[in-house]
Amino acid sequence: MSSKECINDVFIKNDQIIEVINFKDEFVFSGFSIYEVIRIIDGIPLFLEDHYERLINSLNLNNIEISISLNNLKQLINNLINANNKFIGNCKLVININVKNEKNLFLYFIKHYYPTENEYINGVRTHLYKAQRENPNSKSIFFDLRNKINEYISNNRIFEVLLVNSDNYITEGSRSNVFFIKEDKVLTPPITQILPGVTRKYINKICKENKVDLIERNIEINDLQFFTSAFLTGTSINVLPINSIDSIKMNTSNELIKKISEAYIKKVNKYLSEKH
């Protein structure tokens, strides 16, 4: 049976290039896995240094010792890109500890979805979803939760769910971070409750550089009625306006979202130009 997880011609296991027909999803979904999804644009892994920093943080949070340098990771990604002759897409890096307590590194391309122009203009539908990840600062694979959320998203024909924890606080999207706008202020859940997204990190910088008030605080469900707009951020989506949260409509034409989105694209382009 072919893998649903790994696509294209080859993948990397540790430092070996292997034909994709030999990939088994259990390589990364059994045992325990730490991972990163890195966007490739024109053969360049976007914000690789930030992804590497978060990877090391996830490993440390889970007391996993593995030796991998930034230069080593760059070389592995470059090998994957060239071996597949694929210069645009998303690649996934997984550090897996299997049931035999063996540590392995896997690197491979995955299916991706980048929002349409219409979705950036009109926003996307979201629902609240009662769930929380263990150790939220660590980017770990929770296979059962991911499958349940994917099924819910598909059945309800929505783009994303916003997770609600046991204290009834909205924390993050299932694969994104979330921001809310009230008047001229940007609000977002505190970093202790979420996975610190790479895109989120740059949005925080943009707000500081542009003297936009950014407030990290608990977001209660009842707060939603007081927000005029909201947006998601992530590796594949950049800055994406939210059209609705359950039945609550949001303004997708908010000027502050446009300003933040344009500033983020400038940072992306600057990074790419410096790496060319």
C-alpha atoms as a PDB file:
ATOM      1  CA  MET A   1       0.000   0.000   0.000  1.00  0.00           C
ATOM      2  CA  SER A   2       1.388   3.414  -0.962  1.00  0.00           C
ATOM      3  CA  SER A   3       1.953   6.076   1.682  1.00  0.00           C
ATOM      4  CA  LYS A   4      -0.683   8.745   2.269  1.00  0.00           C
ATOM      5  CA  GLU A   5       1.918  10.863   4.041  1.00  0.00           C
ATOM      6  CA  CYS A   6       4.992  10.939   1.783  1.00  0.00           C
ATOM      7  CA  ILE A   7       4.838  12.082  -1.868  1.00  0.00           C
ATOM      8  CA  ASN A   8       7.122  12.458  -4.917  1.00  0.00           C
ATOM      9  CA  ASP A   9      10.024  10.156  -5.830  1.00  0.00           C
ATOM     10  CA  VAL A  10      12.288   9.765  -2.799  1.00  0.00           C
ATOM     11  CA  PHE A  11      12.551  10.490   0.904  1.00  0.00           C
ATOM     12  CA  ILE A  12      15.464  10.666   3.318  1.00  0.00           C
ATOM     13  CA  LYS A  13      15.959   8.396   6.306  1.00  0.00           C
ATOM     14  CA  ASN A  14      18.809   9.670   8.438  1.00  0.00           C
ATOM     15  CA  ASP A  15      21.299  10.441   5.619  1.00  0.00           C
ATOM     16  CA  GLN A  16      20.090   7.863   3.069  1.00  0.00           C
ATOM     17  CA  ILE A  17      18.005   8.684  -0.002  1.00  0.00           C
ATOM     18  CA  ILE A  18      15.322   6.004  -0.463  1.00  0.00           C
ATOM     19  CA  GLU A  19      12.586   5.472  -3.065  1.00  0.00           C
ATOM     20  CA  VAL A  20       9.186   6.597  -1.808  1.00  0.00           C
ATOM     21  CA  ILE A  21       7.669   3.156  -2.456  1.00  0.00           C
ATOM     22  CA  ASN A  22       9.590   2.010   0.639  1.00  0.00           C
ATOM     23  CA  PHE A  23       8.056   4.640   2.937  1.00  0.00           C
ATOM     24  CA  LYS A  24       5.567   3.424   5.528  1.00  0.00           C
ATOM     25  CA  ASP A  25       3.360   5.851   7.433  1.00  0.00           C
ATOM     26  CA  GLU A  26       4.085   3.910  10.614  1.00  0.00           C
ATOM     27  CA  PHE A  27       7.659   5.222  10.391  1.00  0.00           C
ATOM     28  CA  VAL A  28       6.395   8.561  11.730  1.00  0.00           C
ATOM     29  CA  PHE A  29       2.986   7.778  13.260  1.00  0.00           C
ATOM     30  CA  SER A  30       4.027   4.973  15.608  1.00  0.00           C
ATOM     31  CA  GLY A  31       6.093   5.633  18.702  1.00  0.00           C
ATOM     32  CA  PHE A  32       6.699   9.335  19.415  1.00  0.00           C
ATOM     33  CA  SER A  33       7.523  12.005  16.843  1.00  0.00           C
ATOM     34  CA  ILE A  34       8.708  15.621  16.857  1.00  0.00           C
ATOM     35  CA  TYR A  35       8.300  17.392  13.530  1.00  0.00           C
ATOM     36  CA  GLU A  36       8.551  20.579  11.478  1.00  0.00           C
ATOM     37  CA  VAL A  37       6.855  21.520   8.210  1.00  0.00           C
ATOM     38  CA  ILE A  38       9.042  23.788   6.107  1.00  0.00           C
ATOM     39  CA  ARG A  39       7.883  25.659   3.028  1.00  0.00           C
ATOM     40  CA  ILE A  40      10.126  25.494  -0.027  1.00  0.00           C
ATOM     41  CA  ILE A  41      10.019  28.478  -2.398  1.00  0.00           C
ATOM     42  CA  ASP A  42      12.291  28.465  -5.460  1.00  0.00           C
ATOM     43  CA  GLY A  43      14.394  25.789  -3.801  1.00  0.00           C
ATOM     44  CA  ILE A  44      14.861  27.826  -0.624  1.00  0.00           C
ATOM     45  CA  PRO A  45      13.569  26.543   2.751  1.00  0.00           C
ATOM     46  CA  LEU A  46      11.724  29.574   4.131  1.00  0.00           C
ATOM     47  CA  PHE A  47      12.842  30.793   7.577  1.00  0.00           C
ATOM     48  CA  LEU A  48      14.847  27.603   8.080  1.00  0.00           C
ATOM     49  CA  GLU A  49      16.794  29.047  11.012  1.00  0.00           C
ATOM     50  CA  ASP A  50      13.538  29.664  12.912  1.00  0.00           C
ATOM     51  CA  HIS A  51      12.278  26.162  12.198  1.00  0.00           C
ATOM     52  CA  TYR A  52      15.569  24.725  13.384  1.00  0.00           C
ATOM     53  CA  GLU A  53      15.399  26.743  16.602  1.00  0.00           C
ATOM     54  CA  ARG A  54      11.871  25.470  17.282  1.00  0.00           C
ATOM     55  CA  LEU A  55      12.914  21.891  16.474  1.00  0.00           C
ATOM     56  CA  ILE A  56      15.698  22.049  19.039  1.00  0.00           C
ATOM     57  CA  ASN A  57      13.268  23.526  21.573  1.00  0.00           C
ATOM     58  CA  SER A  58      10.789  20.678  20.974  1.00  0.00           C
ATOM     59  CA  LEU A  59      13.549  18.104  21.413  1.00  0.00           C
ATOM     60  CA  ASN A  60      14.679  19.731  24.653  1.00  0.00           C
ATOM     61  CA  LEU A  61      11.129  19.923  26.018  1.00  0.00           C
ATOM     62  CA  ASN A  62      10.809  16.166  25.487  1.00  0.00           C
ATOM     63  CA  ASN A  63      14.311  15.330  26.758  1.00  0.00           C
ATOM     64  CA  ILE A  64      15.330  13.867  23.402  1.00  0.00           C
ATOM     65  CA  GLU A  65      19.013  13.916  22.578  1.00  0.00           C
ATOM     66  CA  ILE A  66      19.917  13.861  18.909  1.00  0.00           C
ATOM     67  CA  SER A  67      22.788  15.517  17.108  1.00  0.00           C
ATOM     68  CA  ILE A  68      21.779  17.622  14.107  1.00  0.00           C
ATOM     69  CA  SER A  69      23.303  20.964  13.160  1.00  0.00           C
ATOM     70  CA  LEU A  70      21.682  23.714  11.124  1.00  0.00           C
ATOM     71  CA  ASN A  71      24.199  23.149   8.325  1.00  0.00           C
ATOM     72  CA  ASN A  72      23.464  19.430   8.356  1.00  0.00           C
ATOM     73  CA  LEU A  73      19.731  20.131   8.075  1.00  0.00           C
ATOM     74  CA  LYS A  74      20.325  22.573   5.196  1.00  0.00           C
ATOM     75  CA  GLN A  75      22.285  19.905   3.326  1.00  0.00           C
ATOM     76  CA  LEU A  76      19.618  17.240   3.898  1.00  0.00           C
ATOM     77  CA  ILE A  77      16.875  19.536   2.592  1.00  0.00           C
ATOM     78  CA  ASN A  78      18.991  20.471  -0.408  1.00  0.00           C
ATOM     79  CA  ASN A  79      19.552  16.775  -1.126  1.00  0.00           C
ATOM     80  CA  LEU A  80      15.801  16.121  -0.915  1.00  0.00           C
ATOM     81  CA  ILE A  81      14.989  19.021  -3.243  1.00  0.00           C
ATOM     82  CA  ASN A  82      17.519  17.985  -5.854  1.00  0.00           C
ATOM     83  CA  ALA A  83      16.727  14.266  -5.685  1.00  0.00           C
ATOM     84  CA  ASN A  84      13.047  14.989  -6.300  1.00  0.00           C
ATOM     85  CA  ASN A  85      13.693  17.899  -8.684  1.00  0.00           C
ATOM     86  CA  LYS A  86      11.025  19.765  -6.732  1.00  0.00           C
ATOM     87  CA  PHE A  87      11.621  23.407  -5.869  1.00  0.00           C
ATOM     88  CA  ILE A  88       8.194  24.484  -4.575  1.00  0.00           C
ATOM     89  CA  GLY A  89       6.135  22.771  -1.885  1.00  0.00           C
ATOM     90  CA  ASN A  90       6.216  21.697   1.739  1.00  0.00           C
ATOM     91  CA  CYS A  91       8.671  19.265   3.242  1.00  0.00           C
ATOM     92  CA  LYS A  92       8.298  17.562   6.587  1.00  0.00           C
ATOM     93  CA  LEU A  93      11.106  16.789   8.999  1.00  0.00           C
ATOM     94  CA  VAL A  94      10.319  14.122  11.599  1.00  0.00           C
ATOM     95  CA  ILE A  95      12.441  12.903  14.483  1.00  0.00           C
ATOM     96  CA  ASN A  96      10.857   9.601  15.509  1.00  0.00           C
ATOM     97  CA  ILE A  97      11.478   7.343  18.481  1.00  0.00           C
ATOM     98  CA  ASN A  98       9.929   3.992  17.577  1.00  0.00           C
ATOM     99  CA  VAL A  99       8.624   1.205  19.795  1.00  0.00           C
ATOM    100  CA  LYS A 100      12.146  -0.255  19.938  1.00  0.00           C
ATOM    101  CA  ASN A 101      13.411   3.096  21.278  1.00  0.00           C
ATOM    102  CA  GLU A 102      15.372   3.689  18.062  1.00  0.00           C
ATOM    103  CA  LYS A 103      15.781   7.299  16.911  1.00  0.00           C
ATOM    104  CA  ASN A 104      15.432   8.060  13.224  1.00  0.00           C
ATOM    105  CA  LEU A 105      15.256  11.206  11.141  1.00  0.00           C
ATOM    106  CA  PHE A 106      12.848  11.322   8.191  1.00  0.00           C
ATOM    107  CA  LEU A 107      12.639  14.097   5.623  1.00  0.00           C
ATOM    108  CA  TYR A 108      10.105  14.083   2.788  1.00  0.00           C
ATOM    109  CA  PHE A 109       7.667  16.130   0.749  1.00  0.00           C
ATOM    110  CA  ILE A 110       4.000  16.189   1.766  1.00  0.00           C
ATOM    111  CA  LYS A 111       0.813  17.322   0.098  1.00  0.00           C
ATOM    112  CA  HIS A 112       0.134  20.999   0.645  1.00  0.00           C
ATOM    113  CA  TYR A 113      -2.677  23.484   0.176  1.00  0.00           C
ATOM    114  CA  TYR A 114      -2.070  27.188  -0.351  1.00  0.00           C
ATOM    115  CA  PRO A 115      -5.157  29.431  -0.042  1.00  0.00           C
ATOM    116  CA  THR A 116      -6.759  30.852  -3.166  1.00  0.00           C
ATOM    117  CA  GLU A 117      -6.954  34.557  -3.964  1.00  0.00           C
ATOM    118  CA  ASN A 118     -10.667  34.378  -3.141  1.00  0.00           C
ATOM    119  CA  GLU A 119      -9.909  32.984   0.332  1.00  0.00           C
ATOM    120  CA  TYR A 120      -7.451  35.794   1.022  1.00  0.00           C
ATOM    121  CA  ILE A 121     -10.105  38.339   0.002  1.00  0.00           C
ATOM    122  CA  ASN A 122     -13.237  36.798   1.524  1.00  0.00           C
ATOM    123  CA  GLY A 123     -11.689  34.875   4.388  1.00  0.00           C
ATOM    124  CA  VAL A 124     -12.293  31.319   5.551  1.00  0.00           C
ATOM    125  CA  ARG A 125     -14.855  29.604   7.768  1.00  0.00           C
ATOM    126  CA  THR A 126     -13.811  28.228  11.143  1.00  0.00           C
ATOM    127  CA  HIS A 127     -15.467  26.440  14.053  1.00  0.00           C
ATOM    128  CA  LEU A 128     -14.620  26.188  17.725  1.00  0.00           C
ATOM    129  CA  TYR A 129     -13.468  22.703  18.723  1.00  0.00           C
ATOM    130  CA  LYS A 130     -13.003  21.423  22.258  1.00  0.00           C
ATOM    131  CA  ALA A 131      -9.494  19.958  22.416  1.00  0.00           C
ATOM    132  CA  GLN A 132      -6.009  20.748  23.611  1.00  0.00           C
ATOM    133  CA  ARG A 133      -2.598  19.372  22.836  1.00  0.00           C
ATOM    134  CA  GLU A 134      -0.326  18.046  25.543  1.00  0.00           C
ATOM    135  CA  ASN A 135       2.830  20.105  25.973  1.00  0.00           C
ATOM    136  CA  PRO A 136       1.619  22.779  23.494  1.00  0.00           C
ATOM    137  CA  ASN A 137       5.047  24.444  23.077  1.00  0.00           C
ATOM    138  CA  SER A 138       6.345  21.198  21.518  1.00  0.00           C
ATOM    139  CA  LYS A 139       5.546  20.407  17.880  1.00  0.00           C
ATOM    140  CA  SER A 140       4.667  16.737  18.297  1.00  0.00           C
ATOM    141  CA  ILE A 141       2.522  14.401  16.214  1.00  0.00           C
ATOM    142  CA  PHE A 142      -0.803  13.460  17.814  1.00  0.00           C
ATOM    143  CA  PHE A 143      -2.151  11.087  15.189  1.00  0.00           C
ATOM    144  CA  ASP A 144      -5.590  10.346  16.692  1.00  0.00           C
ATOM    145  CA  LEU A 145      -6.414  13.986  17.413  1.00  0.00           C
ATOM    146  CA  ARG A 146      -5.272  15.047  13.943  1.00  0.00           C
ATOM    147  CA  ASN A 147      -7.503  12.427  12.311  1.00  0.00           C
ATOM    148  CA  LYS A 148     -10.539  13.452  14.383  1.00  0.00           C
ATOM    149  CA  ILE A 149     -10.023  17.107  13.495  1.00  0.00           C
ATOM    150  CA  ASN A 150      -9.497  16.352   9.802  1.00  0.00           C
ATOM    151  CA  GLU A 151     -12.743  14.385   9.748  1.00  0.00           C
ATOM    152  CA  TYR A 152     -14.609  17.217  11.505  1.00  0.00           C
ATOM    153  CA  ILE A 153     -13.210  19.823   9.090  1.00  0.00           C
ATOM    154  CA  SER A 154     -14.190  17.695   6.091  1.00  0.00           C
ATOM    155  CA  ASN A 155     -17.688  16.905   7.366  1.00  0.00           C
ATOM    156  CA  ASN A 156     -18.425  20.555   8.162  1.00  0.00           C
ATOM    157  CA  ARG A 157     -16.767  21.960   5.025  1.00  0.00           C
ATOM    158  CA  ILE A 158     -14.722  24.485   6.933  1.00  0.00           C
ATOM    159  CA  PHE A 159     -11.095  25.551   6.614  1.00  0.00           C
ATOM    160  CA  GLU A 160      -9.894  25.242  10.194  1.00  0.00           C
ATOM    161  CA  VAL A 161     -10.945  24.695  13.805  1.00  0.00           C
ATOM    162  CA  LEU A 162      -9.943  26.891  16.728  1.00  0.00           C
ATOM    163  CA  LEU A 163      -9.075  24.776  19.739  1.00  0.00           C
ATOM    164  CA  VAL A 164     -10.785  25.486  23.066  1.00  0.00           C
ATOM    165  CA  ASN A 165      -9.042  24.191  26.194  1.00  0.00           C
ATOM    166  CA  SER A 166     -10.471  22.869  29.467  1.00  0.00           C
ATOM    167  CA  ASP A 167     -10.667  26.430  30.849  1.00  0.00           C
ATOM    168  CA  ASN A 168     -12.805  27.435  27.835  1.00  0.00           C
ATOM    169  CA  TYR A 169     -10.051  29.623  26.404  1.00  0.00           C
ATOM    170  CA  ILE A 170      -9.455  29.732  22.661  1.00  0.00           C
ATOM    171  CA  THR A 171      -5.813  28.784  22.164  1.00  0.00           C
ATOM    172  CA  GLU A 172      -4.827  28.170  18.523  1.00  0.00           C
ATOM    173  CA  GLY A 173      -5.870  26.612  15.259  1.00  0.00           C
ATOM    174  CA  SER A 174      -5.247  22.911  14.753  1.00  0.00           C
ATOM    175  CA  ARG A 175      -2.450  23.823  12.309  1.00  0.00           C
ATOM    176  CA  SER A 176      -2.243  27.590  12.696  1.00  0.00           C
ATOM    177  CA  ASN A 177      -2.054  30.456  15.159  1.00  0.00           C
ATOM    178  CA  VAL A 178      -4.922  32.875  15.571  1.00  0.00           C
ATOM    179  CA  PHE A 179      -5.100  36.647  16.108  1.00  0.00           C
ATOM    180  CA  PHE A 180      -8.077  38.886  16.846  1.00  0.00           C
ATOM    181  CA  ILE A 181      -8.603  42.580  16.198  1.00  0.00           C
ATOM    182  CA  LYS A 182     -10.461  44.974  18.471  1.00  0.00           C
ATOM    183  CA  GLU A 183     -10.410  48.583  17.274  1.00  0.00           C
ATOM    184  CA  ASP A 184      -6.701  49.252  16.540  1.00  0.00           C
ATOM    185  CA  LYS A 185      -5.348  46.500  18.780  1.00  0.00           C
ATOM    186  CA  VAL A 186      -4.254  42.956  17.935  1.00  0.00           C
ATOM    187  CA  LEU A 187      -4.922  40.235  20.512  1.00  0.00           C
ATOM    188  CA  THR A 188      -3.620  36.684  20.584  1.00  0.00           C
ATOM    189  CA  PRO A 189      -3.509  33.830  23.120  1.00  0.00           C
ATOM    190  CA  PRO A 190      -0.438  33.703  25.392  1.00  0.00           C
ATOM    191  CA  ILE A 191       2.567  31.753  24.188  1.00  0.00           C
ATOM    192  CA  THR A 192       2.362  29.368  27.164  1.00  0.00           C
ATOM    193  CA  GLN A 193      -0.862  27.888  25.746  1.00  0.00           C
ATOM    194  CA  ILE A 194       0.160  27.398  22.134  1.00  0.00           C
ATOM    195  CA  LEU A 195       2.719  26.159  19.664  1.00  0.00           C
ATOM    196  CA  PRO A 196       4.883  29.226  18.930  1.00  0.00           C
ATOM    197  CA  GLY A 197       4.474  29.388  15.171  1.00  0.00           C
ATOM    198  CA  VAL A 198       7.254  30.708  12.964  1.00  0.00           C
ATOM    199  CA  THR A 199       4.837  32.960  11.067  1.00  0.00           C
ATOM    200  CA  ARG A 200       3.406  34.137  14.403  1.00  0.00           C
ATOM    201  CA  LYS A 201       6.911  35.169  15.451  1.00  0.00           C
ATOM    202  CA  TYR A 202       7.195  37.441  12.413  1.00  0.00           C
ATOM    203  CA  ILE A 203       3.714  38.891  12.948  1.00  0.00           C
ATOM    204  CA  ASN A 204       4.779  39.854  16.457  1.00  0.00           C
ATOM    205  CA  LYS A 205       7.871  41.581  15.010  1.00  0.00           C
ATOM    206  CA  ILE A 206       5.758  43.399  12.430  1.00  0.00           C
ATOM    207  CA  CYS A 207       3.377  44.715  15.078  1.00  0.00           C
ATOM    208  CA  LYS A 208       6.310  45.993  17.134  1.00  0.00           C
ATOM    209  CA  GLU A 209       8.011  47.607  14.134  1.00  0.00           C
ATOM    210  CA  ASN A 210       4.775  49.332  13.092  1.00  0.00           C
ATOM    211  CA  LYS A 211       3.806  50.380  16.624  1.00  0.00           C
ATOM    212  CA  VAL A 212       0.681  48.244  16.567  1.00  0.00           C
ATOM    213  CA  ASP A 213      -0.541  47.305  20.040  1.00  0.00           C
ATOM    214  CA  LEU A 214      -0.181  43.527  20.376  1.00  0.00           C
ATOM    215  CA  ILE A 215      -1.699  42.017  23.497  1.00  0.00           C
ATOM    216  CA  GLU A 216      -1.172  38.435  24.614  1.00  0.00           C
ATOM    217  CA  ARG A 217      -3.981  37.354  26.906  1.00  0.00           C
ATOM    218  CA  ASN A 218      -6.508  34.602  27.474  1.00  0.00           C
ATOM    219  CA  ILE A 219      -9.255  34.697  24.855  1.00  0.00           C
ATOM    220  CA  GLU A 220     -12.652  33.607  26.151  1.00  0.00           C
ATOM    221  CA  ILE A 221     -15.417  32.414  23.858  1.00  0.00           C
ATOM    222  CA  ASN A 222     -17.585  35.331  25.011  1.00  0.00           C
ATOM    223  CA  ASP A 223     -14.869  37.738  23.829  1.00  0.00           C
ATOM    224  CA  LEU A 224     -15.612  36.901  20.199  1.00  0.00           C
ATOM    225  CA  GLN A 225     -18.620  39.204  20.048  1.00  0.00           C
ATOM    226  CA  PHE A 226     -16.342  42.190  20.769  1.00  0.00           C
ATOM    227  CA  PHE A 227     -13.820  41.485  17.984  1.00  0.00           C
ATOM    228  CA  THR A 228     -14.287  43.087  14.574  1.00  0.00           C
ATOM    229  CA  SER A 229     -11.868  40.840  12.689  1.00  0.00           C
ATOM    230  CA  ALA A 230      -9.619  37.812  13.075  1.00  0.00           C
ATOM    231  CA  PHE A 231      -6.922  36.052  11.078  1.00  0.00           C
ATOM    232  CA  LEU A 232      -4.905  32.851  10.980  1.00  0.00           C
ATOM    233  CA  THR A 233      -1.166  32.538  10.415  1.00  0.00           C
ATOM    234  CA  GLY A 234       0.921  29.564   9.342  1.00  0.00           C
ATOM    235  CA  THR A 235       3.584  28.161   7.052  1.00  0.00           C
ATOM    236  CA  SER A 236       1.234  27.444   4.148  1.00  0.00           C
ATOM    237  CA  ILE A 237      -1.321  30.203   4.674  1.00  0.00           C
ATOM    238  CA  ASN A 238       0.774  33.293   5.549  1.00  0.00           C
ATOM    239  CA  VAL A 239      -1.816  35.759   6.920  1.00  0.00           C
ATOM    240  CA  LEU A 240      -5.349  34.567   6.188  1.00  0.00           C
ATOM    241  CA  PRO A 241      -8.518  36.466   7.227  1.00  0.00           C
ATOM    242  CA  ILE A 242     -11.272  34.594   9.035  1.00  0.00           C
ATOM    243  CA  ASN A 243     -14.744  35.007   7.589  1.00  0.00           C
ATOM    244  CA  SER A 244     -16.627  33.400  10.469  1.00  0.00           C
ATOM    245  CA  ILE A 245     -16.159  31.575  13.774  1.00  0.00           C
ATOM    246  CA  ASP A 246     -19.176  29.300  14.174  1.00  0.00           C
ATOM    247  CA  SER A 247     -22.054  31.708  13.480  1.00  0.00           C
ATOM    248  CA  ILE A 248     -20.102  34.870  14.355  1.00  0.00           C
ATOM    249  CA  LYS A 249     -19.187  36.892  11.266  1.00  0.00           C
ATOM    250  CA  MET A 250     -15.883  38.727  10.978  1.00  0.00           C
ATOM    251  CA  ASN A 251     -14.862  41.647   8.773  1.00  0.00           C
ATOM    252  CA  THR A 252     -12.364  40.349   6.204  1.00  0.00           C
ATOM    253  CA  SER A 253     -11.618  43.812   4.745  1.00  0.00           C
ATOM    254  CA  ASN A 254      -9.915  45.113   7.856  1.00  0.00           C
ATOM    255  CA  GLU A 255      -7.128  47.546   6.955  1.00  0.00           C
ATOM    256  CA  LEU A 256      -4.913  46.404   9.801  1.00  0.00           C
ATOM    257  CA  ILE A 257      -4.965  42.816   8.528  1.00  0.00           C
ATOM    258  CA  LYS A 258      -4.005  44.075   5.063  1.00  0.00           C
ATOM    259  CA  LYS A 259      -1.147  46.111   6.526  1.00  0.00           C
ATOM    260  CA  ILE A 260       0.175  43.149   8.524  1.00  0.00           C
ATOM    261  CA  SER A 261      -0.200  40.775   5.574  1.00  0.00           C
ATOM    262  CA  GLU A 262       1.690  43.082   3.195  1.00  0.00           C
ATOM    263  CA  ALA A 263       4.468  43.563   5.751  1.00  0.00           C
ATOM    264  CA  TYR A 264       4.783  39.800   6.201  1.00  0.00           C
ATOM    265  CA  ILE A 265       5.088  39.188   2.438  1.00  0.00           C
ATOM    266  CA  LYS A 266       7.857  41.809   2.360  1.00  0.00           C
ATOM    267  CA  LYS A 267       9.747  39.870   5.058  1.00  0.00           C
ATOM    268  CA  VAL A 268       9.323  36.653   3.063  1.00  0.00           C
ATOM    269  CA  ASN A 269      10.622  38.292  -0.115  1.00  0.00           C
ATOM    270  CA  LYS A 270      13.539  39.875   1.738  1.00  0.00           C
ATOM    271  CA  TYR A 271      14.548  36.513   3.203  1.00  0.00           C
ATOM    272  CA  LEU A 272      14.344  34.797  -0.199  1.00  0.00           C
ATOM    273  CA  SER A 273      16.351  37.526  -1.933  1.00  0.00           C
ATOM    274  CA  GLU A 274      19.090  37.268   0.706  1.00  0.00           C
ATOM    275  CA  LYS A 275      19.309  33.475   0.261  1.00  0.00           C
ATOM    276  CA  HIS A 276      19.473  33.535  -3.551  1.00  0.00           C
END
